[in-house]
Amino acid sequence: MNVPINSAKLPITVVIPVKNEERNLPRCLQQLGRFAKIVIIDSGSTDQTQAIAEKFDCEFVPFKWNGHYPKKRNWYLLNHQVETPWVFFVDADEYVTEAFVNELERAIENTQHAGFWVNYSNYFLGQELKHGVPQLKLPLFKFGAGLYERIDEDAWSSLDMEVHEHPVLQGSVGELKAKIDHNDFKGLHSYIAKHNEYSSWEARRYMKLRNAGVDSAIDGEHFTAIQRRKYNNLTRWWLAPAYFLYTFVYKLGFLDGRTGYAFARMKAIYFWQIRLKIAELISANS
């Protein structure tokens, strides 16, 4: 189904990669009325995701990953002609606010930037986290300005979408201050399952870098400063406790109470899991 561009709206195509997102998708789509076009890229959902997309008159694009490059976002950018000057990747558990859309409209009017960093209000266990490490992503850029990092993997996990990869763009990048709400209503079970997949992916990614020489591999690729610090320290015993202290104490996560403590602990456990999985892979390959 091809949905025509609405020239009276923001000249941005919103692309939402999904699989079984009936819980989050309606709320996400309700907030996107000011954008010219909405595209849903679906990885074989078995719930009401497609029916919801059709109800909101979105373009629905089926996707099946073969375990190799490209994954979902790059696949769309490489195989579809975006008719608007801008493309904006939004997850189903992300909800734009009126303040964000207003700032976005002003920002793209005469900008020379190729893309924009976006800030997020993170929710955990139903509570907004007002402290701790802020969430920042680069999901908005001009079509043709670049692609997400190319990482040649051999089905490291079932992740068919770029999660940890970031866009590599030609041109300057700005930042939008108004925040998007990030709140997954599928609950803690989904959160834990996703992060188990993420930690396995990170361990495999580290092994690829290790085989190439971590320092030289990082220097030779388009890593952000945060990525460089992460991959240089994933095997350090102190990374998990240091992250907990950084986000819960230094970044004032304790002001979010028990929920802030739980979130900081879960993130620290995540880094601990990565380290253990790397050790397991090294042992298996020795």
C-alpha atoms as a PDB file:
ATOM      1  CA  MET A   1       0.000   0.000   0.000  1.00  0.00           C
ATOM      2  CA  ASN A   2       1.460   3.355  -1.079  1.00  0.00           C
ATOM      3  CA  VAL A   3       0.217   6.387   0.827  1.00  0.00           C
ATOM      4  CA  PRO A   4       0.574   9.722  -1.030  1.00  0.00           C
ATOM      5  CA  ILE A   5       2.700  12.549   0.331  1.00  0.00           C
ATOM      6  CA  ASN A   6       0.773  15.352   2.034  1.00  0.00           C
ATOM      7  CA  SER A   7       2.485  18.570   0.932  1.00  0.00           C
ATOM      8  CA  ALA A   8       0.747  20.617   3.627  1.00  0.00           C
ATOM      9  CA  LYS A   9       2.553  18.744   6.398  1.00  0.00           C
ATOM     10  CA  LEU A  10       6.160  18.593   7.551  1.00  0.00           C
ATOM     11  CA  PRO A  11       8.340  17.330   4.669  1.00  0.00           C
ATOM     12  CA  ILE A  12       9.470  14.298   6.652  1.00  0.00           C
ATOM     13  CA  THR A  13       8.897  10.579   6.125  1.00  0.00           C
ATOM     14  CA  VAL A  14       8.577   8.807   9.477  1.00  0.00           C
ATOM     15  CA  VAL A  15       9.773   5.198   9.298  1.00  0.00           C
ATOM     16  CA  ILE A  16       8.724   2.857  12.115  1.00  0.00           C
ATOM     17  CA  PRO A  17      10.393  -0.595  12.213  1.00  0.00           C
ATOM     18  CA  VAL A  18       8.132  -3.052  14.046  1.00  0.00           C
ATOM     19  CA  LYS A  19       7.362  -6.608  15.034  1.00  0.00           C
ATOM     20  CA  ASN A  20       4.307  -7.395  17.160  1.00  0.00           C
ATOM     21  CA  GLU A  21       3.820  -3.837  18.386  1.00  0.00           C
ATOM     22  CA  GLU A  22       0.040  -3.741  18.863  1.00  0.00           C
ATOM     23  CA  ARG A  23       0.547  -2.535  22.437  1.00  0.00           C
ATOM     24  CA  ASN A  24       2.627   0.540  21.591  1.00  0.00           C
ATOM     25  CA  LEU A  25       1.886   1.369  17.950  1.00  0.00           C
ATOM     26  CA  PRO A  26      -1.528   3.114  18.236  1.00  0.00           C
ATOM     27  CA  ARG A  27      -0.213   5.638  20.768  1.00  0.00           C
ATOM     28  CA  CYS A  28       2.862   6.231  18.596  1.00  0.00           C
ATOM     29  CA  LEU A  29       0.845   6.822  15.419  1.00  0.00           C
ATOM     30  CA  GLN A  30      -1.647   9.135  17.118  1.00  0.00           C
ATOM     31  CA  GLN A  31       1.169  11.648  17.669  1.00  0.00           C
ATOM     32  CA  LEU A  32       2.382  11.735  14.057  1.00  0.00           C
ATOM     33  CA  GLY A  33      -0.416  13.637  12.370  1.00  0.00           C
ATOM     34  CA  ARG A  34       1.793  16.559  11.300  1.00  0.00           C
ATOM     35  CA  PHE A  35       4.207  14.482   9.226  1.00  0.00           C
ATOM     36  CA  ALA A  36       3.891  14.054   5.459  1.00  0.00           C
ATOM     37  CA  LYS A  37       4.185  10.279   5.348  1.00  0.00           C
ATOM     38  CA  ILE A  38       4.323   7.323   7.737  1.00  0.00           C
ATOM     39  CA  VAL A  39       5.913   4.002   6.764  1.00  0.00           C
ATOM     40  CA  ILE A  40       5.681   0.814   8.826  1.00  0.00           C
ATOM     41  CA  ILE A  41       8.423  -1.784   8.150  1.00  0.00           C
ATOM     42  CA  ASP A  42       7.193  -5.061   9.576  1.00  0.00           C
ATOM     43  CA  SER A  43       9.176  -8.224  10.382  1.00  0.00           C
ATOM     44  CA  GLY A  44       6.331 -10.723  10.152  1.00  0.00           C
ATOM     45  CA  SER A  45       4.078  -9.576  12.982  1.00  0.00           C
ATOM     46  CA  THR A  46       1.506 -12.124  14.134  1.00  0.00           C
ATOM     47  CA  ASP A  47      -0.625  -9.706  16.184  1.00  0.00           C
ATOM     48  CA  GLN A  48      -2.743  -6.735  15.075  1.00  0.00           C
ATOM     49  CA  THR A  49       0.186  -4.581  13.961  1.00  0.00           C
ATOM     50  CA  GLN A  50      -0.758  -4.605  10.258  1.00  0.00           C
ATOM     51  CA  ALA A  51      -4.429  -3.865  10.982  1.00  0.00           C
ATOM     52  CA  ILE A  52      -3.390  -0.901  13.140  1.00  0.00           C
ATOM     53  CA  ALA A  53      -1.132   0.423  10.370  1.00  0.00           C
ATOM     54  CA  GLU A  54      -3.980   0.179   7.861  1.00  0.00           C
ATOM     55  CA  LYS A  55      -6.356   1.939  10.243  1.00  0.00           C
ATOM     56  CA  PHE A  56      -3.977   4.915  10.368  1.00  0.00           C
ATOM     57  CA  ASP A  57      -3.453   4.876   6.555  1.00  0.00           C
ATOM     58  CA  CYS A  58       0.257   4.125   6.849  1.00  0.00           C
ATOM     59  CA  GLU A  59       2.325   2.527   4.111  1.00  0.00           C
ATOM     60  CA  PHE A  60       2.997  -1.061   5.221  1.00  0.00           C
ATOM     61  CA  VAL A  61       6.236  -2.671   4.005  1.00  0.00           C
ATOM     62  CA  PRO A  62       6.978  -6.353   4.815  1.00  0.00           C
ATOM     63  CA  PHE A  63      10.596  -7.216   5.642  1.00  0.00           C
ATOM     64  CA  LYS A  64      12.376 -10.533   6.052  1.00  0.00           C
ATOM     65  CA  TRP A  65      15.997 -10.525   7.167  1.00  0.00           C
ATOM     66  CA  ASN A  66      18.439 -13.074   5.715  1.00  0.00           C
ATOM     67  CA  GLY A  67      20.918 -12.728   8.597  1.00  0.00           C
ATOM     68  CA  HIS A  68      23.306 -10.464   6.719  1.00  0.00           C
ATOM     69  CA  TYR A  69      23.736  -6.824   5.770  1.00  0.00           C
ATOM     70  CA  PRO A  70      21.594  -4.795   5.353  1.00  0.00           C
ATOM     71  CA  LYS A  71      19.262  -4.833   8.311  1.00  0.00           C
ATOM     72  CA  LYS A  72      15.876  -3.174   8.400  1.00  0.00           C
ATOM     73  CA  ARG A  73      16.716   0.537   8.426  1.00  0.00           C
ATOM     74  CA  ASN A  74      19.523   0.430   5.881  1.00  0.00           C
ATOM     75  CA  TRP A  75      17.478  -1.966   3.755  1.00  0.00           C
ATOM     76  CA  TYR A  76      14.723   0.617   3.546  1.00  0.00           C
ATOM     77  CA  LEU A  77      17.120   3.456   2.754  1.00  0.00           C
ATOM     78  CA  LEU A  78      18.871   1.419   0.071  1.00  0.00           C
ATOM     79  CA  ASN A  79      15.790  -0.045  -1.600  1.00  0.00           C
ATOM     80  CA  HIS A  80      13.109   2.642  -1.377  1.00  0.00           C
ATOM     81  CA  GLN A  81      12.944   6.136  -2.754  1.00  0.00           C
ATOM     82  CA  VAL A  82      11.964   8.538   0.026  1.00  0.00           C
ATOM     83  CA  GLU A  83       9.912  11.344  -1.520  1.00  0.00           C
ATOM     84  CA  THR A  84      10.526  13.875   1.243  1.00  0.00           C
ATOM     85  CA  PRO A  85      13.868  15.599   1.928  1.00  0.00           C
ATOM     86  CA  TRP A  86      13.987  14.213   5.471  1.00  0.00           C
ATOM     87  CA  VAL A  87      13.627  10.740   6.977  1.00  0.00           C
ATOM     88  CA  PHE A  88      12.901  10.182  10.673  1.00  0.00           C
ATOM     89  CA  PHE A  89      13.271   6.734  12.274  1.00  0.00           C
ATOM     90  CA  VAL A  90      10.909   6.276  15.217  1.00  0.00           C
ATOM     91  CA  ASP A  91      10.408   3.154  17.341  1.00  0.00           C
ATOM     92  CA  ALA A  92       6.886   2.059  18.206  1.00  0.00           C
ATOM     93  CA  ASP A  93       7.505   2.803  21.888  1.00  0.00           C
ATOM     94  CA  GLU A  94       8.489   6.418  21.164  1.00  0.00           C
ATOM     95  CA  TYR A  95       5.914   9.214  21.182  1.00  0.00           C
ATOM     96  CA  VAL A  96       6.620  12.655  19.794  1.00  0.00           C
ATOM     97  CA  THR A  97       5.343  15.633  21.770  1.00  0.00           C
ATOM     98  CA  GLU A  98       3.841  18.864  20.475  1.00  0.00           C
ATOM     99  CA  ALA A  99       6.848  20.788  21.791  1.00  0.00           C
ATOM    100  CA  PHE A 100       9.185  18.474  19.878  1.00  0.00           C
ATOM    101  CA  VAL A 101       7.279  18.798  16.599  1.00  0.00           C
ATOM    102  CA  ASN A 102       7.137  22.593  16.949  1.00  0.00           C
ATOM    103  CA  GLU A 103      10.899  22.797  17.483  1.00  0.00           C
ATOM    104  CA  LEU A 104      11.504  20.361  14.641  1.00  0.00           C
ATOM    105  CA  GLU A 105       9.412  22.448  12.248  1.00  0.00           C
ATOM    106  CA  ARG A 106      11.484  25.539  13.034  1.00  0.00           C
ATOM    107  CA  ALA A 107      14.787  23.643  12.922  1.00  0.00           C
ATOM    108  CA  ILE A 108      14.463  22.185   9.412  1.00  0.00           C
ATOM    109  CA  GLU A 109      13.100  25.318   7.766  1.00  0.00           C
ATOM    110  CA  ASN A 110      16.425  26.805   6.648  1.00  0.00           C
ATOM    111  CA  THR A 111      18.994  24.493   8.201  1.00  0.00           C
ATOM    112  CA  GLN A 112      22.342  23.528   6.695  1.00  0.00           C
ATOM    113  CA  HIS A 113      22.569  20.491   8.998  1.00  0.00           C
ATOM    114  CA  ALA A 114      22.423  16.984   7.526  1.00  0.00           C
ATOM    115  CA  GLY A 115      20.763  15.565  10.623  1.00  0.00           C
ATOM    116  CA  PHE A 116      19.703  16.183  14.220  1.00  0.00           C
ATOM    117  CA  TRP A 117      20.400  14.487  17.527  1.00  0.00           C
ATOM    118  CA  VAL A 118      17.183  13.893  19.462  1.00  0.00           C
ATOM    119  CA  ASN A 119      16.706  13.795  23.247  1.00  0.00           C
ATOM    120  CA  TYR A 120      14.312  11.398  24.975  1.00  0.00           C
ATOM    121  CA  SER A 121      12.368  11.271  28.228  1.00  0.00           C
ATOM    122  CA  ASN A 122      12.890   7.696  29.404  1.00  0.00           C
ATOM    123  CA  TYR A 123      10.239   5.776  31.338  1.00  0.00           C
ATOM    124  CA  PHE A 124      10.824   2.623  33.365  1.00  0.00           C
ATOM    125  CA  LEU A 125       8.241   0.598  35.295  1.00  0.00           C
ATOM    126  CA  GLY A 126       5.701   3.286  34.433  1.00  0.00           C
ATOM    127  CA  GLN A 127       7.711   6.166  35.907  1.00  0.00           C
ATOM    128  CA  GLU A 128       9.527   8.936  34.085  1.00  0.00           C
ATOM    129  CA  LEU A 129      13.226   8.949  34.926  1.00  0.00           C
ATOM    130  CA  LYS A 130      14.161  12.599  35.351  1.00  0.00           C
ATOM    131  CA  HIS A 131      17.771  11.887  36.270  1.00  0.00           C
ATOM    132  CA  GLY A 132      20.540   9.458  35.364  1.00  0.00           C
ATOM    133  CA  VAL A 133      22.264   9.157  31.990  1.00  0.00           C
ATOM    134  CA  PRO A 134      20.154  10.930  29.343  1.00  0.00           C
ATOM    135  CA  GLN A 135      19.085   9.108  26.190  1.00  0.00           C
ATOM    136  CA  LEU A 136      20.281  10.673  22.934  1.00  0.00           C
ATOM    137  CA  LYS A 137      19.991   9.291  19.387  1.00  0.00           C
ATOM    138  CA  LEU A 138      20.506  10.433  15.791  1.00  0.00           C
ATOM    139  CA  PRO A 139      17.291   9.226  14.105  1.00  0.00           C
ATOM    140  CA  LEU A 140      16.557  12.252  11.897  1.00  0.00           C
ATOM    141  CA  PHE A 141      18.541  13.138   8.777  1.00  0.00           C
ATOM    142  CA  LYS A 142      18.277  14.180   5.164  1.00  0.00           C
ATOM    143  CA  PHE A 143      17.591  11.328   2.787  1.00  0.00           C
ATOM    144  CA  GLY A 144      20.814  10.555   0.945  1.00  0.00           C
ATOM    145  CA  ALA A 145      23.067  12.096   3.606  1.00  0.00           C
ATOM    146  CA  GLY A 146      24.236   8.713   4.828  1.00  0.00           C
ATOM    147  CA  LEU A 147      23.403   5.266   6.174  1.00  0.00           C
ATOM    148  CA  TYR A 148      23.619   3.426   9.466  1.00  0.00           C
ATOM    149  CA  GLU A 149      26.990   1.833  10.196  1.00  0.00           C
ATOM    150  CA  ARG A 150      27.698  -1.205   8.071  1.00  0.00           C
ATOM    151  CA  ILE A 151      28.534  -4.165  10.271  1.00  0.00           C
ATOM    152  CA  ASP A 152      28.968  -7.446   8.441  1.00  0.00           C
ATOM    153  CA  GLU A 153      27.598 -10.056  10.802  1.00  0.00           C
ATOM    154  CA  ASP A 154      26.666 -13.672  10.360  1.00  0.00           C
ATOM    155  CA  ALA A 155      23.335 -13.843  12.204  1.00  0.00           C
ATOM    156  CA  TRP A 156      24.867 -12.990  15.582  1.00  0.00           C
ATOM    157  CA  SER A 157      21.366 -12.766  17.022  1.00  0.00           C
ATOM    158  CA  SER A 158      17.752 -12.425  15.945  1.00  0.00           C
ATOM    159  CA  LEU A 159      18.085  -8.617  15.886  1.00  0.00           C
ATOM    160  CA  ASP A 160      17.027  -7.696  12.355  1.00  0.00           C
ATOM    161  CA  MET A 161      17.195  -3.940  12.976  1.00  0.00           C
ATOM    162  CA  GLU A 162      20.048  -1.537  13.664  1.00  0.00           C
ATOM    163  CA  VAL A 163      19.912  -0.958  17.428  1.00  0.00           C
ATOM    164  CA  HIS A 164      23.479  -0.072  18.421  1.00  0.00           C
ATOM    165  CA  GLU A 165      24.588   1.094  14.981  1.00  0.00           C
ATOM    166  CA  HIS A 166      24.398   4.851  14.430  1.00  0.00           C
ATOM    167  CA  PRO A 167      24.030   6.838  11.191  1.00  0.00           C
ATOM    168  CA  VAL A 168      27.234   7.971   9.494  1.00  0.00           C
ATOM    169  CA  LEU A 169      26.335  11.241   7.769  1.00  0.00           C
ATOM    170  CA  GLN A 170      27.995  13.632   5.357  1.00  0.00           C
ATOM    171  CA  GLY A 171      27.531  17.087   6.862  1.00  0.00           C
ATOM    172  CA  SER A 172      27.044  18.792  10.190  1.00  0.00           C
ATOM    173  CA  VAL A 173      24.599  17.599  12.838  1.00  0.00           C
ATOM    174  CA  GLY A 174      22.434  19.741  15.118  1.00  0.00           C
ATOM    175  CA  GLU A 175      20.504  18.876  18.254  1.00  0.00           C
ATOM    176  CA  LEU A 176      16.838  19.260  19.194  1.00  0.00           C
ATOM    177  CA  LYS A 177      16.260  20.073  22.855  1.00  0.00           C
ATOM    178  CA  ALA A 178      12.545  19.251  23.157  1.00  0.00           C
ATOM    179  CA  LYS A 179      12.182  15.595  24.112  1.00  0.00           C
ATOM    180  CA  ILE A 180      10.379  12.557  22.751  1.00  0.00           C
ATOM    181  CA  ASP A 181       8.740  10.214  25.289  1.00  0.00           C
ATOM    182  CA  HIS A 182      10.215   6.690  25.322  1.00  0.00           C
ATOM    183  CA  ASN A 183       7.898   4.311  27.156  1.00  0.00           C
ATOM    184  CA  ASP A 184       7.541   0.613  26.306  1.00  0.00           C
ATOM    185  CA  PHE A 185       4.151  -0.581  27.536  1.00  0.00           C
ATOM    186  CA  LYS A 186       5.035  -4.251  26.964  1.00  0.00           C
ATOM    187  CA  GLY A 187       6.530  -4.475  30.429  1.00  0.00           C
ATOM    188  CA  LEU A 188       9.588  -5.825  32.208  1.00  0.00           C
ATOM    189  CA  HIS A 189       9.528  -9.247  30.532  1.00  0.00           C
ATOM    190  CA  SER A 190       9.978  -7.591  27.138  1.00  0.00           C
ATOM    191  CA  TYR A 191      12.687  -5.275  28.506  1.00  0.00           C
ATOM    192  CA  ILE A 192      14.728  -8.178  29.905  1.00  0.00           C
ATOM    193  CA  ALA A 193      14.307 -10.284  26.757  1.00  0.00           C
ATOM    194  CA  LYS A 194      15.432  -7.425  24.506  1.00  0.00           C
ATOM    195  CA  HIS A 195      18.485  -6.660  26.610  1.00  0.00           C
ATOM    196  CA  ASN A 196      19.462 -10.321  26.622  1.00  0.00           C
ATOM    197  CA  GLU A 197      19.517 -10.110  22.805  1.00  0.00           C
ATOM    198  CA  TYR A 198      21.354  -6.784  22.932  1.00  0.00           C
ATOM    199  CA  SER A 199      24.080  -8.111  25.244  1.00  0.00           C
ATOM    200  CA  SER A 200      24.655 -11.135  22.999  1.00  0.00           C
ATOM    201  CA  TRP A 201      24.970  -8.826  19.996  1.00  0.00           C
ATOM    202  CA  GLU A 202      27.410  -6.571  21.843  1.00  0.00           C
ATOM    203  CA  ALA A 203      29.570  -9.541  22.804  1.00  0.00           C
ATOM    204  CA  ARG A 204      29.718 -10.725  19.185  1.00  0.00           C
ATOM    205  CA  ARG A 205      30.467  -7.202  18.017  1.00  0.00           C
ATOM    206  CA  TYR A 206      33.324  -6.956  20.505  1.00  0.00           C
ATOM    207  CA  MET A 207      34.755 -10.259  19.285  1.00  0.00           C
ATOM    208  CA  LYS A 208      34.759  -8.950  15.715  1.00  0.00           C
ATOM    209  CA  LEU A 209      36.657  -5.870  16.886  1.00  0.00           C
ATOM    210  CA  ARG A 210      39.000  -8.012  18.984  1.00  0.00           C
ATOM    211  CA  ASN A 211      39.881 -10.188  16.018  1.00  0.00           C
ATOM    212  CA  ALA A 212      40.772  -7.043  14.082  1.00  0.00           C
ATOM    213  CA  GLY A 213      42.608  -5.480  17.048  1.00  0.00           C
ATOM    214  CA  VAL A 214      40.174  -3.432  19.136  1.00  0.00           C
ATOM    215  CA  ASP A 215      42.101  -0.144  19.104  1.00  0.00           C
ATOM    216  CA  SER A 216      42.944  -0.213  15.406  1.00  0.00           C
ATOM    217  CA  ALA A 217      39.422  -1.346  14.466  1.00  0.00           C
ATOM    218  CA  ILE A 218      37.842   1.482  16.453  1.00  0.00           C
ATOM    219  CA  ASP A 219      40.231   4.032  14.942  1.00  0.00           C
ATOM    220  CA  GLY A 220      39.356   2.798  11.478  1.00  0.00           C
ATOM    221  CA  GLU A 221      35.574   3.066  11.825  1.00  0.00           C
ATOM    222  CA  HIS A 222      33.016   5.794  12.461  1.00  0.00           C
ATOM    223  CA  PHE A 223      32.636   5.401  16.210  1.00  0.00           C
ATOM    224  CA  THR A 224      31.247   8.101  18.459  1.00  0.00           C
ATOM    225  CA  ALA A 225      33.146   9.039  21.603  1.00  0.00           C
ATOM    226  CA  ILE A 226      30.677   7.018  23.685  1.00  0.00           C
ATOM    227  CA  GLN A 227      31.158   3.960  21.477  1.00  0.00           C
ATOM    228  CA  ARG A 228      34.941   4.253  21.738  1.00  0.00           C
ATOM    229  CA  ARG A 229      34.801   4.324  25.534  1.00  0.00           C
ATOM    230  CA  LYS A 230      32.358   1.419  25.617  1.00  0.00           C
ATOM    231  CA  TYR A 231      34.265  -0.960  23.356  1.00  0.00           C
ATOM    232  CA  ASN A 232      37.600  -0.113  24.961  1.00  0.00           C
ATOM    233  CA  ASN A 233      36.234  -1.054  28.389  1.00  0.00           C
ATOM    234  CA  LEU A 234      33.642  -3.813  27.887  1.00  0.00           C
ATOM    235  CA  THR A 235      35.913  -6.467  29.403  1.00  0.00           C
ATOM    236  CA  ARG A 236      36.940  -4.392  32.442  1.00  0.00           C
ATOM    237  CA  TRP A 237      35.697  -5.826  35.713  1.00  0.00           C
ATOM    238  CA  TRP A 238      34.880  -2.347  36.980  1.00  0.00           C
ATOM    239  CA  LEU A 239      32.660  -1.223  34.065  1.00  0.00           C
ATOM    240  CA  ALA A 240      29.336  -2.445  35.497  1.00  0.00           C
ATOM    241  CA  PRO A 241      29.811  -1.016  39.037  1.00  0.00           C
ATOM    242  CA  ALA A 242      31.308   2.181  37.599  1.00  0.00           C
ATOM    243  CA  TYR A 243      28.270   2.663  35.362  1.00  0.00           C
ATOM    244  CA  PHE A 244      25.957   2.122  38.324  1.00  0.00           C
ATOM    245  CA  LEU A 245      27.775   4.721  40.413  1.00  0.00           C
ATOM    246  CA  TYR A 246      27.924   7.151  37.495  1.00  0.00           C
ATOM    247  CA  THR A 247      24.224   7.048  36.667  1.00  0.00           C
ATOM    248  CA  PHE A 248      22.791   6.519  40.163  1.00  0.00           C
ATOM    249  CA  VAL A 249      25.095   8.812  42.149  1.00  0.00           C
ATOM    250  CA  TYR A 250      26.938  11.265  39.884  1.00  0.00           C
ATOM    251  CA  LYS A 251      23.976  11.736  37.509  1.00  0.00           C
ATOM    252  CA  LEU A 252      21.539  11.853  40.477  1.00  0.00           C
ATOM    253  CA  GLY A 253      19.563   8.752  39.553  1.00  0.00           C
ATOM    254  CA  PHE A 254      18.856   8.262  43.261  1.00  0.00           C
ATOM    255  CA  LEU A 255      16.426  11.188  43.032  1.00  0.00           C
ATOM    256  CA  ASP A 256      14.155   8.904  40.995  1.00  0.00           C
ATOM    257  CA  GLY A 257      13.792   6.692  44.071  1.00  0.00           C
ATOM    258  CA  ARG A 258      13.338   2.936  43.882  1.00  0.00           C
ATOM    259  CA  THR A 259      12.658   3.057  40.162  1.00  0.00           C
ATOM    260  CA  GLY A 260      15.882   4.953  39.564  1.00  0.00           C
ATOM    261  CA  TYR A 261      17.748   2.354  41.610  1.00  0.00           C
ATOM    262  CA  ALA A 262      16.133  -0.537  39.714  1.00  0.00           C
ATOM    263  CA  PHE A 263      16.955   1.022  36.351  1.00  0.00           C
ATOM    264  CA  ALA A 264      20.575   1.690  37.293  1.00  0.00           C
ATOM    265  CA  ARG A 265      20.954  -1.882  38.563  1.00  0.00           C
ATOM    266  CA  MET A 266      19.441  -3.332  35.387  1.00  0.00           C
ATOM    267  CA  LYS A 267      21.807  -1.306  33.208  1.00  0.00           C
ATOM    268  CA  ALA A 268      24.792  -2.373  35.304  1.00  0.00           C
ATOM    269  CA  ILE A 269      23.695  -6.012  35.015  1.00  0.00           C
ATOM    270  CA  TYR A 270      23.482  -5.511  31.261  1.00  0.00           C
ATOM    271  CA  PHE A 271      27.152  -4.513  31.067  1.00  0.00           C
ATOM    272  CA  TRP A 272      28.063  -7.385  33.377  1.00  0.00           C
ATOM    273  CA  GLN A 273      26.243  -9.810  31.057  1.00  0.00           C
ATOM    274  CA  ILE A 274      28.191  -8.510  28.065  1.00  0.00           C
ATOM    275  CA  ARG A 275      31.492  -9.080  29.873  1.00  0.00           C
ATOM    276  CA  LEU A 276      30.512 -12.646  30.832  1.00  0.00           C
ATOM    277  CA  LYS A 277      29.354 -13.444  27.296  1.00  0.00           C
ATOM    278  CA  ILE A 278      32.635 -12.122  25.879  1.00  0.00           C
ATOM    279  CA  ALA A 279      34.561 -14.332  28.303  1.00  0.00           C
ATOM    280  CA  GLU A 280      32.432 -17.299  27.235  1.00  0.00           C
ATOM    281  CA  LEU A 281      33.137 -16.640  23.550  1.00  0.00           C
ATOM    282  CA  ILE A 282      36.870 -16.233  24.154  1.00  0.00           C
ATOM    283  CA  SER A 283      36.933 -19.531  26.082  1.00  0.00           C
ATOM    284  CA  ALA A 284      35.004 -21.315  23.342  1.00  0.00           C
ATOM    285  CA  ASN A 285      37.421 -20.060  20.682  1.00  0.00           C
ATOM    286  CA  SER A 286      40.605 -20.859  22.592  1.00  0.00           C
END
